[in-house]
Amino acid sequence: MKSKVLLAGIMMVILAAACTLSAELPGEVVLKPGETASHASGSITVTFVEVLEDSRCPADAVCVWAGQVKVLLEVAYGTETQQYTLTLDTLLEGDVNSVSIGGVTITLVQVDPYPLASQPADPADYRITLDIE
């Protein structure tokens, strides 16, 4: 019984560690939903929470506008944590594709997979590329 509890505890630690990337920021980082990138110093962490909207024109369709994709990030800097929505492709009034926090700029560079009308994306399959300078 004790070995099962110990094994379960070890698995939880491994899973928690798998969700956090230690990135050499500044630079580009690719995150999947729920994954966090942290600066080597630990001063800033960025978590990809979810895709809020993906209205980009599917690659296998004809559309009247290109559309856009919006992602929700959670950024912790020092003792403060805030959520930000970044938009890629068509920026409408109020949309931003980058945010600056504590002298660090986080820019949404890419969101994959690109949509297909014939094959809707599973939310778990999304990957975002951020440029953190």
Foldseek 3Di string as FASTA:
>chain_A
DVVVVVVVVVVVVVVVVVQEAADCPQFKDKHFASHKYAHNVRQKIKHFHFWPDDPADAPADDDPDRGKTKTWMWMDGHNDIDIDIAMDDDDDPPHHQWDDDPNKIKGWDDKDDGHHPVDGDDRRPIMTMIRID
